[in-house]
Amino acid sequence: MASDTRVRAIVRLKLESQLLPRTAAGRVWAGPGNNEVCSACDDPVRKTQTVYEWDADGVKVTMHVRCYEIWNTVRQRRPLRRGGRS
């Protein structure tokens, strides 16, 4: 899995591009990975890792546990305004 810094950057870009949902799902399932691609970092979720999975408006979202934690933190932050001020 990619470093936390890299995952944060990828998640920010994917949120801005609407490639990741901004809202949390009602239900999130956890289980062993099956080499599916993580929606956040694009690395596979190996069989020895836990995957979080949910449906976001008809789109299946899968993430490593750590990527989910990063996504959850990043999505809740207020976006910066143009010019870098919050």
Protein backbone atom coordinates (compact mmCIF):
# COMPACT_ATOMS: atom_id res chain seq x y z
CA MET A 1 0.00 0.00 0.00
CA ALA A 2 1.16 3.53 -0.74
CA SER A 3 2.41 5.88 1.98
CA ASP A 4 -0.15 7.92 3.95
CA THR A 5 1.11 11.14 2.36
CA ARG A 6 0.66 9.75 -1.14
CA VAL A 7 -2.78 8.33 -0.32
CA ARG A 8 -3.91 11.71 1.09
CA ALA A 9 -2.83 13.43 -2.13
CA ILE A 10 -4.57 10.84 -4.31
CA VAL A 11 -7.74 11.01 -2.22
CA ARG A 12 -7.84 14.82 -2.43
CA LEU A 13 -7.52 14.67 -6.23
CA LYS A 14 -10.14 11.94 -6.53
CA LEU A 15 -12.56 13.86 -4.30
CA GLU A 16 -12.06 17.04 -6.35
CA SER A 17 -12.57 15.06 -9.56
CA GLN A 18 -15.61 13.29 -8.06
CA LEU A 19 -13.96 9.90 -8.57
CA LEU A 20 -14.53 9.17 -4.88
CA PRO A 21 -17.75 9.86 -3.00
CA ARG A 22 -17.79 12.74 -0.54
CA THR A 23 -20.46 11.23 1.67
CA ALA A 24 -20.20 8.17 3.84
CA ALA A 25 -22.30 5.13 3.08
CA GLY A 26 -25.00 3.84 5.37
CA ARG A 27 -23.40 0.41 5.60
CA VAL A 28 -19.80 -0.61 5.16
CA TRP A 29 -18.85 -4.26 4.95
CA ALA A 30 -15.45 -5.55 6.01
CA GLY A 31 -13.82 -8.80 5.02
CA PRO A 32 -10.71 -10.36 3.59
CA GLY A 33 -9.39 -8.81 0.42
CA ASN A 34 -9.56 -10.66 -2.86
CA ASN A 35 -6.99 -8.69 -4.88
CA GLU A 36 -9.61 -6.07 -5.77
CA VAL A 37 -8.28 -2.60 -6.55
CA CYS A 38 -8.52 -0.03 -3.76
CA SER A 39 -10.68 2.88 -4.89
CA ALA A 40 -8.37 5.28 -3.02
CA CYS A 41 -4.76 4.24 -3.70
CA ASP A 42 -5.31 1.96 -6.74
CA ASP A 43 -3.21 -0.81 -5.17
CA PRO A 44 -4.70 -4.29 -4.80
CA VAL A 45 -6.22 -5.31 -1.48
CA ARG A 46 -4.44 -8.60 -0.86
CA LYS A 47 -6.07 -11.69 0.63
CA THR A 48 -4.06 -11.13 3.81
CA GLN A 49 -5.53 -7.61 4.19
CA THR A 50 -8.98 -6.40 5.22
CA VAL A 51 -11.12 -4.60 2.66
CA TYR A 52 -13.90 -2.13 3.40
CA GLU A 53 -16.64 -2.15 0.78
CA TRP A 54 -19.84 -0.17 0.24
CA ASP A 55 -22.22 1.05 -2.42
CA ALA A 56 -22.07 4.78 -3.21
CA ASP A 57 -25.01 5.65 -5.46
CA GLY A 58 -24.78 2.38 -7.36
CA VAL A 59 -20.98 2.35 -7.57
CA LYS A 60 -19.04 -0.25 -5.60
CA VAL A 61 -16.29 1.34 -3.49
CA THR A 62 -13.50 -0.78 -2.00
CA MET A 63 -10.64 0.39 0.20
CA HIS A 64 -7.87 -0.80 2.45
CA VAL A 65 -8.71 -0.04 6.08
CA ARG A 66 -6.02 2.66 6.26
CA CYS A 67 -7.15 4.22 2.96
CA TYR A 68 -10.72 4.33 4.31
CA GLU A 69 -9.50 6.13 7.44
CA ILE A 70 -7.61 8.66 5.32
CA TRP A 71 -10.59 9.15 2.95
CA ASN A 72 -12.90 9.64 5.92
CA THR A 73 -10.63 12.32 7.41
CA VAL A 74 -9.93 14.14 4.13
CA ARG A 75 -13.57 14.21 2.98
CA GLN A 76 -14.68 15.88 6.21
CA ARG A 77 -12.17 18.74 6.01
CA ARG A 78 -13.30 22.05 4.63
CA PRO A 79 -11.90 22.52 1.13
CA LEU A 80 -9.39 25.32 0.72
CA ARG A 81 -10.52 28.34 -1.23
CA ARG A 82 -8.54 29.46 -4.23
CA GLY A 83 -5.39 31.23 -3.09
CA GLY A 84 -4.73 28.73 -0.27
CA ARG A 85 -6.80 30.38 2.48
CA SER A 86 -9.36 28.48 4.48
